[in-house]
N, C-alpha and C. Protein backbone atom coordinates (compact mmCIF):
# COMPACT_ATOMS: atom_id res chain seq x y z
N UNK A 1 14.37 -39.41 -33.98
CA UNK A 1 13.80 -38.34 -34.06
C UNK A 1 12.41 -39.02 -33.33
N UNK A 2 11.65 -39.75 -33.82
CA UNK A 2 10.26 -40.33 -33.76
C UNK A 2 9.90 -40.81 -31.93
N UNK A 3 11.80 -41.27 -31.41
CA UNK A 3 11.92 -42.05 -30.41
C UNK A 3 11.92 -40.82 -29.49
N UNK A 4 12.38 -39.78 -29.72
CA UNK A 4 12.33 -38.45 -28.67
C UNK A 4 10.77 -37.95 -28.49
N UNK A 5 10.54 -37.76 -29.79
CA UNK A 5 8.74 -37.49 -29.57
C UNK A 5 7.64 -38.45 -29.05
N UNK A 6 8.12 -39.53 -29.03
CA UNK A 6 7.56 -40.42 -28.27
C UNK A 6 7.76 -40.37 -26.67
N UNK A 7 8.82 -40.32 -26.35
CA UNK A 7 9.26 -39.87 -24.87
C UNK A 7 8.83 -39.03 -24.29
N UNK A 8 8.85 -37.53 -25.06
CA UNK A 8 8.45 -36.45 -24.59
C UNK A 8 7.18 -36.68 -24.37
N UNK A 9 5.98 -37.63 -25.29
CA UNK A 9 4.82 -37.36 -25.34
C UNK A 9 4.16 -38.54 -24.00
N UNK A 10 5.08 -39.46 -23.76
CA UNK A 10 4.44 -40.20 -22.54
C UNK A 10 5.03 -39.83 -21.61
N UNK A 11 6.07 -38.52 -21.58
CA UNK A 11 6.46 -37.84 -20.15
C UNK A 11 5.38 -36.84 -19.72
N UNK A 12 5.05 -36.16 -20.80
CA UNK A 12 3.43 -35.27 -20.75
C UNK A 12 2.42 -36.05 -20.24
N UNK A 13 2.08 -36.91 -20.78
CA UNK A 13 0.99 -38.02 -20.27
C UNK A 13 1.35 -38.85 -18.52
N UNK A 14 2.58 -39.01 -18.40
CA UNK A 14 2.71 -39.44 -16.89
C UNK A 14 2.81 -38.42 -16.21
N UNK A 15 2.93 -37.07 -16.68
CA UNK A 15 2.82 -36.09 -15.53
C UNK A 15 1.47 -35.61 -15.52
N UNK A 16 0.81 -35.60 -16.37
CA UNK A 16 -0.84 -35.15 -15.88
C UNK A 16 -1.46 -36.27 -15.22
N UNK A 17 -1.27 -37.59 -15.79
CA UNK A 17 -1.57 -38.66 -14.91
C UNK A 17 -1.57 -38.44 -13.51
N UNK A 18 -0.27 -38.17 -13.02
CA UNK A 18 -0.22 -37.99 -11.63
C UNK A 18 -0.61 -36.70 -10.95
N UNK A 19 -0.37 -35.62 -12.01
CA UNK A 19 -1.28 -34.50 -10.96
C UNK A 19 -2.57 -34.38 -10.86
N UNK A 20 -2.62 -33.89 -9.40
CA UNK A 20 -4.00 -33.90 -9.15
C UNK A 20 -5.02 -33.07 -9.64
N UNK A 21 -6.39 -34.07 -9.87
CA UNK A 21 -7.05 -33.56 -10.58
C UNK A 21 -8.25 -32.14 -10.14
N UNK A 22 -8.60 -32.69 -8.42
CA UNK A 22 -9.26 -31.94 -8.05
C UNK A 22 -8.30 -31.06 -6.91
N UNK A 23 -7.70 -30.45 -7.39
CA UNK A 23 -6.65 -29.16 -6.73
C UNK A 23 -7.69 -28.24 -6.18
N UNK A 24 -7.09 -28.03 -4.94
CA UNK A 24 -7.96 -27.05 -4.06
C UNK A 24 -7.01 -26.16 -3.98
N UNK A 25 -7.40 -24.86 -3.85
CA UNK A 25 -6.23 -23.46 -3.24
C UNK A 25 -6.21 -23.65 -1.83
N UNK A 26 -5.29 -22.70 -1.37
CA UNK A 26 -5.24 -22.95 -0.01
C UNK A 26 -6.18 -22.06 0.69
N UNK A 27 -6.78 -21.30 0.27
CA UNK A 27 -7.55 -20.51 0.72
C UNK A 27 -8.92 -20.91 1.03
N UNK A 28 -9.61 -21.99 -0.10
CA UNK A 28 -10.78 -22.72 -0.17
C UNK A 28 -10.41 -23.78 0.85
N UNK A 29 -9.09 -24.33 0.80
CA UNK A 29 -9.31 -25.46 2.18
C UNK A 29 -9.15 -24.55 3.17
N UNK A 30 -8.88 -23.39 3.63
CA UNK A 30 -8.86 -23.13 5.02
C UNK A 30 -10.22 -22.48 5.31
N UNK A 31 -10.89 -22.23 4.20
CA UNK A 31 -12.55 -21.87 4.62
C UNK A 31 -13.42 -23.25 4.97
N UNK A 32 -12.94 -24.23 4.15
CA UNK A 32 -13.60 -25.42 4.05
C UNK A 32 -13.49 -26.20 5.89
N UNK A 33 -11.77 -25.87 6.15
CA UNK A 33 -11.64 -26.65 7.40
C UNK A 33 -12.02 -25.81 8.69
N UNK A 34 -12.52 -24.29 8.56
CA UNK A 34 -13.08 -23.01 9.21
C UNK A 34 -14.60 -23.73 9.54
N UNK A 35 -15.13 -23.79 7.98
CA UNK A 35 -16.85 -24.12 8.42
C UNK A 35 -16.95 -25.81 9.09
N UNK A 36 -15.97 -26.43 8.79
CA UNK A 36 -16.30 -27.81 9.34
C UNK A 36 -15.81 -27.26 11.06
N UNK A 37 -14.80 -26.67 11.40
CA UNK A 37 -14.71 -26.31 12.56
C UNK A 37 -15.96 -25.90 13.56
N UNK A 38 -16.42 -24.87 12.83
CA UNK A 38 -17.57 -23.96 13.16
C UNK A 38 -18.85 -24.81 13.42
N UNK A 39 -19.00 -25.66 12.29
CA UNK A 39 -20.02 -26.62 12.38
C UNK A 39 -20.21 -27.79 13.40
N UNK A 40 -18.86 -28.08 13.88
CA UNK A 40 -19.10 -29.41 14.59
C UNK A 40 -18.78 -28.73 16.44
N UNK A 41 -18.80 -27.60 16.55
CA UNK A 41 -18.79 -26.35 18.06
C UNK A 41 -20.25 -26.97 18.29
N UNK A 42 -20.58 -27.68 19.27
CA UNK A 42 -21.87 -27.59 19.75
C UNK A 42 -22.27 -27.07 21.10
N UNK A 43 -21.30 -27.44 21.96
CA UNK A 43 -21.57 -26.89 23.35
C UNK A 43 -21.10 -25.67 23.38
N UNK A 44 -21.14 -24.81 24.41
CA UNK A 44 -20.96 -23.57 24.96
C UNK A 44 -19.29 -23.49 24.74
N UNK A 45 -18.78 -24.41 25.57
CA UNK A 45 -17.20 -24.34 25.60
C UNK A 45 -16.76 -24.69 24.24
N UNK A 46 -17.16 -25.47 23.71
CA UNK A 46 -16.66 -25.43 22.23
C UNK A 46 -16.44 -24.60 21.40
N UNK A 47 -17.69 -23.72 21.48
CA UNK A 47 -17.94 -22.28 20.76
C UNK A 47 -17.28 -21.24 21.25
N UNK A 48 -16.93 -21.30 22.64
CA UNK A 48 -16.07 -20.40 23.24
C UNK A 48 -14.70 -20.60 22.30
N UNK A 49 -13.96 -21.96 22.48
CA UNK A 49 -12.74 -22.21 22.25
C UNK A 49 -12.60 -21.80 20.64
N UNK A 50 -13.73 -22.00 19.90
CA UNK A 50 -13.31 -21.89 18.29
C UNK A 50 -13.65 -20.15 18.07
N UNK A 51 -14.32 -19.83 18.95
CA UNK A 51 -14.38 -18.15 19.07
C UNK A 51 -12.90 -17.31 19.34
N UNK A 52 -12.69 -18.24 20.28
CA UNK A 52 -11.25 -17.81 20.98
C UNK A 52 -10.42 -18.09 19.43
N UNK A 53 -9.94 -19.03 19.04
CA UNK A 53 -9.32 -19.35 17.85
C UNK A 53 -9.39 -18.44 16.56
N UNK A 54 -10.96 -18.21 16.35
CA UNK A 54 -11.11 -17.08 14.97
C UNK A 54 -10.39 -15.93 15.37
N UNK A 55 -10.68 -15.67 16.64
CA UNK A 55 -10.17 -14.10 17.15
C UNK A 55 -8.99 -13.81 16.94
N UNK A 56 -8.01 -14.88 17.55
CA UNK A 56 -6.68 -14.74 17.80
C UNK A 56 -6.27 -14.82 16.09
N UNK A 57 -6.62 -15.62 15.38
CA UNK A 57 -6.38 -15.57 13.97
C UNK A 57 -6.59 -14.39 13.20
N UNK A 58 -7.69 -13.98 13.67
CA UNK A 58 -8.06 -12.24 12.91
C UNK A 58 -7.02 -11.22 13.51
N UNK A 59 -6.87 -11.47 14.59
CA UNK A 59 -5.80 -10.35 15.39
C UNK A 59 -4.17 -10.54 14.48
N UNK A 60 -3.72 -11.88 14.39
CA UNK A 60 -2.54 -11.94 13.75
C UNK A 60 -2.57 -11.60 12.32
N UNK A 61 -3.35 -11.31 11.67
CA UNK A 61 -3.57 -11.42 10.10
C UNK A 61 -3.94 -9.94 10.07
N UNK A 62 -4.39 -8.89 11.26
CA UNK A 62 -4.57 -7.67 11.48
C UNK A 62 -3.00 -7.27 11.52
N UNK A 63 -2.54 -7.73 12.34
CA UNK A 63 -1.32 -7.58 12.83
C UNK A 63 -0.44 -7.39 11.93
N UNK A 64 -0.23 -8.43 11.46
CA UNK A 64 0.64 -8.70 9.86
C UNK A 64 0.29 -7.97 8.61
N UNK A 65 -0.93 -7.35 8.52
CA UNK A 65 -1.31 -6.41 7.66
C UNK A 65 -0.70 -5.12 8.11
N UNK A 66 -0.75 -4.75 9.45
CA UNK A 66 -0.10 -3.19 9.58
C UNK A 66 1.20 -3.39 9.40
N UNK A 67 2.18 -4.69 9.76
CA UNK A 67 3.56 -4.78 9.37
C UNK A 67 3.73 -4.14 7.96
N UNK A 68 3.18 -5.21 7.22
CA UNK A 68 3.19 -4.88 5.79
C UNK A 68 2.93 -3.56 5.18
N UNK A 69 1.94 -2.93 5.84
CA UNK A 69 2.36 -1.51 5.79
C UNK A 69 2.83 -0.45 5.82
N UNK A 70 3.44 -0.93 7.46
CA UNK A 70 4.85 -0.16 7.69
C UNK A 70 6.19 -0.55 6.96
N UNK A 71 6.03 -1.73 6.30
CA UNK A 71 7.34 -1.99 5.23
C UNK A 71 6.84 -1.03 4.25
N UNK A 72 5.69 -1.09 3.48
CA UNK A 72 5.64 -0.23 2.43
C UNK A 72 5.89 1.21 2.44
N UNK A 73 5.50 1.67 3.58
CA UNK A 73 5.94 3.06 4.16
C UNK A 73 7.55 3.40 4.05
N UNK A 74 8.30 2.52 4.30
CA UNK A 74 9.82 2.63 4.45
C UNK A 74 10.18 2.84 3.05
N UNK A 75 11.56 3.54 3.14
CA UNK A 75 12.33 3.54 2.03
C UNK A 75 13.54 2.91 2.15
N UNK A 76 13.60 1.87 1.20
CA UNK A 76 14.48 0.96 1.11
C UNK A 76 16.01 1.36 0.38
N UNK A 77 15.67 2.34 -0.27
CA UNK A 77 16.59 3.12 -0.63
C UNK A 77 16.81 2.26 -2.31
N UNK A 78 17.87 2.72 -3.16
CA UNK A 78 18.03 1.80 -4.36
C UNK A 78 17.18 2.60 -5.30
N UNK A 79 16.47 2.29 -6.56
CA UNK A 79 15.87 2.49 -7.65
C UNK A 79 14.35 2.90 -7.06
N UNK A 80 14.17 3.99 -7.47
CA UNK A 80 12.45 4.12 -7.20
C UNK A 80 11.48 3.11 -7.76
N UNK A 81 11.74 2.70 -8.75
CA UNK A 81 10.85 1.74 -9.77
C UNK A 81 11.01 0.59 -8.85
N UNK A 82 11.72 -0.04 -8.50
CA UNK A 82 12.12 -1.24 -7.53
C UNK A 82 11.34 -0.97 -6.77
N UNK A 83 11.49 0.17 -5.57
CA UNK A 83 11.13 0.32 -4.39
C UNK A 83 9.31 0.37 -4.52
N UNK A 84 9.12 1.12 -5.60
CA UNK A 84 7.62 1.49 -5.47
C UNK A 84 6.81 0.07 -6.00
N UNK A 85 7.45 -0.69 -6.64
CA UNK A 85 7.26 -2.10 -7.08
C UNK A 85 6.97 -2.74 -5.70
N UNK A 86 8.30 -3.01 -4.71
CA UNK A 86 8.13 -3.67 -3.60
C UNK A 86 7.24 -3.01 -2.83
N UNK A 87 6.83 -1.88 -2.70
CA UNK A 87 5.94 -0.98 -1.72
C UNK A 87 4.63 -1.62 -2.19
N UNK A 88 4.34 -1.67 -3.40
CA UNK A 88 2.64 -2.04 -3.90
C UNK A 88 2.53 -3.51 -3.36
N UNK A 89 3.75 -4.18 -4.10
CA UNK A 89 3.65 -5.73 -3.23
C UNK A 89 3.08 -5.76 -1.59
N UNK A 90 3.74 -5.18 -1.08
CA UNK A 90 3.40 -5.13 0.67
C UNK A 90 2.15 -4.89 0.68
N UNK A 91 1.90 -3.60 -0.07
CA UNK A 91 0.34 -3.31 0.06
C UNK A 91 -0.89 -4.15 -0.35
N UNK A 92 -0.37 -4.98 -1.35
CA UNK A 92 -1.27 -6.08 -1.93
C UNK A 92 -1.60 -7.02 -1.15
N UNK A 93 -0.65 -7.24 -0.25
CA UNK A 93 -0.71 -8.51 0.23
C UNK A 93 -1.33 -7.97 1.64
N UNK A 94 -0.97 -6.80 2.06
CA UNK A 94 -1.57 -6.49 3.36
C UNK A 94 -3.39 -6.28 3.51
N UNK A 95 -3.71 -5.88 2.01
CA UNK A 95 -5.38 -5.86 1.78
C UNK A 95 -5.45 -7.54 1.58
N UNK A 96 -4.99 -8.31 1.35
CA UNK A 96 -5.50 -9.63 1.14
C UNK A 96 -5.79 -10.01 2.67
N UNK A 97 -4.26 -9.54 3.53
CA UNK A 97 -4.46 -9.91 5.29
C UNK A 97 -5.58 -9.55 5.77
N UNK A 98 -6.24 -8.15 5.30
CA UNK A 98 -7.00 -7.62 5.66
C UNK A 98 -8.69 -8.11 5.66
N UNK A 99 -8.35 -8.44 4.23
CA UNK A 99 -10.11 -9.35 4.05
C UNK A 99 -10.14 -10.71 4.62
N UNK A 100 -9.00 -11.23 4.87
CA UNK A 100 -9.07 -12.75 5.84
C UNK A 100 -9.51 -12.49 7.03
N UNK A 101 -8.85 -11.30 7.53
CA UNK A 101 -9.26 -11.15 8.89
C UNK A 101 -10.61 -10.61 8.94
N UNK A 102 -11.19 -10.05 8.03
CA UNK A 102 -12.87 -9.80 8.10
C UNK A 102 -13.62 -10.87 7.76
N UNK A 103 -13.22 -11.99 7.11
CA UNK A 103 -13.92 -12.96 6.87
C UNK A 103 -13.88 -13.75 8.12
N UNK A 104 -12.88 -13.73 9.14
CA UNK A 104 -12.76 -14.43 10.02
C UNK A 104 -13.71 -13.73 11.23
N UNK A 105 -13.45 -12.30 11.20
CA UNK A 105 -14.81 -11.81 12.16
C UNK A 105 -16.18 -12.04 11.65
N UNK A 106 -16.21 -12.31 10.52
CA UNK A 106 -17.65 -12.23 10.00
C UNK A 106 -18.06 -13.79 10.44
N UNK A 107 -16.82 -14.87 10.39
CA UNK A 107 -17.32 -16.35 10.80
C UNK A 107 -17.79 -16.20 12.18
N UNK A 108 -17.01 -15.22 13.19
CA UNK A 108 -17.00 -15.15 14.38
C UNK A 108 -18.27 -14.68 14.90
N UNK A 109 -18.70 -13.73 13.88
CA UNK A 109 -20.37 -12.88 14.16
C UNK A 109 -21.44 -14.23 13.80
N UNK A 110 -20.99 -15.04 13.12
CA UNK A 110 -21.91 -15.88 13.08
C UNK A 110 -22.07 -17.03 14.02
N UNK A 111 -20.82 -17.05 14.84
CA UNK A 111 -20.98 -18.55 15.76
C UNK A 111 -22.16 -18.27 16.65
């Protein structure tokens, strides 16, 4: 019994020792990369390239948000509750994408 407990404690300690202490979310990572890209753009050509990149990303996110809103409007058949939950999920994803697109537009405006 004590051996099993000892093995489980060692396993947990091993798991925590190997996990990342400074984990960064994908959103924060994207923001840091964008900041680095924008700050590294010095010449007019570099700023134009970064601006085109940010504009394209914002357009992609806006287009995907519209696709998700269209999916939310469609009737998938089946149970009402399940369909409603799926629609709410699509709408939430669309709102998140629109916020990200607005963030890209604001970064683009500050360029």
